C-alpha atoms as a PDB file:
ATOM      1  CA  MET A   1      65.514  83.630 154.712  1.00  0.00           C
ATOM      2  CA  LYS A   2      67.162  86.707 156.005  1.00  0.00           C
ATOM      3  CA  LYS A   3      69.574  88.670 153.779  1.00  0.00           C
ATOM      4  CA  ILE A   4      70.626  92.009 153.099  1.00  0.00           C
ATOM      5  CA  TYR A   5      72.389  93.113 150.166  1.00  0.00           C
ATOM      6  CA  HIS A   6      74.660  96.387 150.756  1.00  0.00           C
ATOM      7  CA  LEU A   7      77.700  98.231 149.541  1.00  0.00           C
ATOM      8  CA  SER A   8      79.984  98.249 152.335  1.00  0.00           C
ATOM      9  CA  THR A   9      82.004 101.551 150.844  1.00  0.00           C
ATOM     10  CA  CYS A  10      78.349 103.319 150.651  1.00  0.00           C
ATOM     11  CA  ASP A  11      77.982 105.469 153.993  1.00  0.00           C
ATOM     12  CA  THR A  12      74.154 105.439 153.466  1.00  0.00           C
ATOM     13  CA  CYS A  13      74.284 101.730 153.517  1.00  0.00           C
ATOM     14  CA  LYS A  14      76.263 101.461 156.541  1.00  0.00           C
ATOM     15  CA  ARG A  15      74.027 104.290 158.405  1.00  0.00           C
ATOM     16  CA  ILE A  16      71.063 101.980 157.399  1.00  0.00           C
ATOM     17  CA  LEU A  17      72.691  98.507 158.661  1.00  0.00           C
ATOM     18  CA  LYS A  18      73.693 100.529 161.800  1.00  0.00           C
ATOM     19  CA  GLU A  19      69.869 101.949 162.310  1.00  0.00           C
ATOM     20  CA  LEU A  20      68.385  98.411 161.608  1.00  0.00           C
ATOM     21  CA  ASP A  21      71.011  96.383 163.896  1.00  0.00           C
ATOM     22  CA  PRO A  22      69.691  93.208 161.919  1.00  0.00           C
ATOM     23  CA  GLY A  23      71.825  90.707 164.373  1.00  0.00           C
ATOM     24  CA  MET A  24      73.508  87.512 163.798  1.00  0.00           C
ATOM     25  CA  ASP A  25      70.540  85.653 162.046  1.00  0.00           C
ATOM     26  CA  PHE A  26      70.688  87.631 158.853  1.00  0.00           C
ATOM     27  CA  GLU A  27      73.314  87.102 156.080  1.00  0.00           C
ATOM     28  CA  LEU A  28      75.018  90.476 154.520  1.00  0.00           C
ATOM     29  CA  GLN A  29      76.069  90.037 151.113  1.00  0.00           C
ATOM     30  CA  ASP A  30      78.633  93.042 149.989  1.00  0.00           C
ATOM     31  CA  ILE A  31      77.485  93.205 146.156  1.00  0.00           C
ATOM     32  CA  LYS A  32      80.934  94.837 145.181  1.00  0.00           C
ATOM     33  CA  THR A  33      83.011  92.143 146.755  1.00  0.00           C
ATOM     34  CA  ASP A  34      80.503  89.325 146.052  1.00  0.00           C
ATOM     35  CA  ALA A  35      78.550  89.634 142.720  1.00  0.00           C
ATOM     36  CA  ILE A  36      74.567  89.248 142.574  1.00  0.00           C
ATOM     37  CA  THR A  37      73.784  86.160 140.556  1.00  0.00           C
ATOM     38  CA  PRO A  38      71.218  85.876 138.167  1.00  0.00           C
ATOM     39  CA  ASP A  39      69.127  83.525 140.339  1.00  0.00           C
ATOM     40  CA  GLN A  40      69.348  86.189 143.177  1.00  0.00           C
ATOM     41  CA  LEU A  41      68.145  89.014 141.150  1.00  0.00           C
ATOM     42  CA  SER A  42      65.449  86.781 139.740  1.00  0.00           C
ATOM     43  CA  GLN A  43      64.535  85.992 143.226  1.00  0.00           C
ATOM     44  CA  MET A  44      64.406  89.897 144.061  1.00  0.00           C
ATOM     45  CA  ALA A  45      62.668  90.764 141.172  1.00  0.00           C
ATOM     46  CA  GLN A  46      59.975  88.305 141.759  1.00  0.00           C
ATOM     47  CA  LEU A  47      59.078  89.764 145.319  1.00  0.00           C
ATOM     48  CA  ALA A  48      59.285  93.814 144.286  1.00  0.00           C
ATOM     49  CA  GLY A  49      57.335  92.985 141.207  1.00  0.00           C
ATOM     50  CA  SER A  50      60.101  94.256 138.312  1.00  0.00           C
ATOM     51  CA  TYR A  51      63.573  94.842 137.830  1.00  0.00           C
ATOM     52  CA  GLU A  52      62.663  98.266 137.518  1.00  0.00           C
ATOM     53  CA  LYS A  53      61.886  98.738 141.012  1.00  0.00           C
ATOM     54  CA  LEU A  54      65.492  97.171 142.129  1.00  0.00           C
ATOM     55  CA  PHE A  55      67.098  99.677 139.770  1.00  0.00           C
ATOM     56  CA  SER A  56      68.967 102.847 140.775  1.00  0.00           C
ATOM     57  CA  LYS A  57      68.315 106.139 138.866  1.00  0.00           C
ATOM     58  CA  ARG A  58      70.489 107.700 140.950  1.00  0.00           C
ATOM     59  CA  ALA A  59      73.318 105.792 139.802  1.00  0.00           C
ATOM     60  CA  ARG A  60      76.445 107.474 138.239  1.00  0.00           C
ATOM     61  CA  LEU A  61      76.465 105.330 135.338  1.00  0.00           C
ATOM     62  CA  TYR A  62      73.084 105.957 134.593  1.00  0.00           C
ATOM     63  CA  LYS A  63      73.624 109.966 134.044  1.00  0.00           C
ATOM     64  CA  GLU A  64      77.044 109.247 132.189  1.00  0.00           C
ATOM     65  CA  ARG A  65      75.341 106.733 129.701  1.00  0.00           C
ATOM     66  CA  ASN A  66      72.414 109.093 129.195  1.00  0.00           C
ATOM     67  CA  LEU A  67      70.078 106.106 130.245  1.00  0.00           C
ATOM     68  CA  LYS A  68      67.490 108.887 131.156  1.00  0.00           C
ATOM     69  CA  GLU A  69      67.193 109.260 127.344  1.00  0.00           C
ATOM     70  CA  GLN A  70      66.331 105.510 126.549  1.00  0.00           C
ATOM     71  CA  SER A  71      63.119 103.679 126.838  1.00  0.00           C
ATOM     72  CA  LEU A  72      64.408 100.627 129.118  1.00  0.00           C
ATOM     73  CA  SER A  73      62.965  97.186 129.106  1.00  0.00           C
ATOM     74  CA  GLU A  74      62.810  94.860 132.004  1.00  0.00           C
ATOM     75  CA  GLN A  75      65.535  92.760 130.337  1.00  0.00           C
ATOM     76  CA  ASP A  76      67.426  96.092 130.145  1.00  0.00           C
ATOM     77  CA  TYR A  77      67.264  96.857 133.977  1.00  0.00           C
ATOM     78  CA  LYS A  78      68.063  93.203 134.623  1.00  0.00           C
ATOM     79  CA  ASP A  79      70.939  93.214 132.409  1.00  0.00           C
ATOM     80  CA  LEU A  80      72.206  96.878 133.694  1.00  0.00           C
ATOM     81  CA  ILE A  81      72.107  95.417 137.441  1.00  0.00           C
ATOM     82  CA  LEU A  82      73.886  92.372 136.473  1.00  0.00           C
ATOM     83  CA  GLU A  83      76.351  94.483 134.448  1.00  0.00           C
ATOM     84  CA  HIS A  84      77.432  96.926 137.400  1.00  0.00           C
ATOM     85  CA  TYR A  85      76.501  96.706 141.176  1.00  0.00           C
ATOM     86  CA  THR A  86      75.953 100.465 141.368  1.00  0.00           C
ATOM     87  CA  PHE A  87      72.428  99.853 139.125  1.00  0.00           C
ATOM     88  CA  LEU A  88      71.339  97.940 142.059  1.00  0.00           C
ATOM     89  CA  LYS A  89      69.049 100.150 144.363  1.00  0.00           C
ATOM     90  CA  ARG A  90      70.152  99.414 147.832  1.00  0.00           C
ATOM     91  CA  PRO A  91      70.162  98.060 150.148  1.00  0.00           C
ATOM     92  CA  VAL A  92      67.836  95.311 149.356  1.00  0.00           C
ATOM     93  CA  ILE A  93      66.379  93.547 152.635  1.00  0.00           C
ATOM     94  CA  LEU A  94      64.756  90.289 152.513  1.00  0.00           C
ATOM     95  CA  ILE A  95      63.047  88.825 155.139  1.00  0.00           C
ATOM     96  CA  ASP A  96      61.098  85.691 154.652  1.00  0.00           C
ATOM     97  CA  ASN A  97      59.054  86.999 151.759  1.00  0.00           C
ATOM     98  CA  HIS A  98      59.179  90.456 152.073  1.00  0.00           C
ATOM     99  CA  ILE A  99      61.622  92.826 150.454  1.00  0.00           C
ATOM    100  CA  PHE A 100      62.617  96.450 151.224  1.00  0.00           C
ATOM    101  CA  VAL A 101      64.508  97.948 148.462  1.00  0.00           C
ATOM    102  CA  GLY A 102      66.110 101.457 148.965  1.00  0.00           C
ATOM    103  CA  ASN A 103      66.967 103.862 151.773  1.00  0.00           C
ATOM    104  CA  SER A 104      63.774 105.908 151.578  1.00  0.00           C
ATOM    105  CA  LYS A 105      62.747 106.651 155.429  1.00  0.00           C
ATOM    106  CA  ALA A 106      59.410 104.704 154.873  1.00  0.00           C
ATOM    107  CA  GLU A 107      61.242 101.492 153.229  1.00  0.00           C
ATOM    108  CA  VAL A 108      63.780 101.375 156.301  1.00  0.00           C
ATOM    109  CA  ALA A 109      61.222 102.341 158.619  1.00  0.00           C
ATOM    110  CA  ALA A 110      58.966  98.799 157.339  1.00  0.00           C
ATOM    111  CA  ALA A 111      62.088  96.932 157.586  1.00  0.00           C
ATOM    112  CA  LYS A 112      62.800  97.727 160.777  1.00  0.00           C
ATOM    113  CA  ALA A 113      59.395  97.199 161.999  1.00  0.00           C
ATOM    114  CA  LYS A 114      59.363  93.588 160.020  1.00  0.00           C
ATOM    115  CA  ILE A 115      62.812  92.742 161.867  1.00  0.00           C
ATOM    116  CA  ASN A 116      61.496  94.063 165.263  1.00  0.00           C
ATOM    117  CA  SER A 117      58.529  91.979 164.953  1.00  0.00           C
END
């Protein structure tokens, strides 16, 4: 499976997609218009190792809800991501059984290397 979960209105996602140039064999899913299903999120968490690794602590709602002051469980992370798409750290790139989460230079470089291998 080759899939990229992204946000079409996010400039960082646009820049990374342009840099990766994933090609026609990738399925792109805009998480704002095509919400993540519980099964999709479960698959991502299984590959990433936890829901927390998929969770964006930079999301505006994270700060607004003062979630930093709370002790969140894996179930909380899962529920929050399913509740609102901005809680997903993006982009999430799936290539076969490999997952690349977020926009750090290292993650993007690793995803690019995997795409080009």
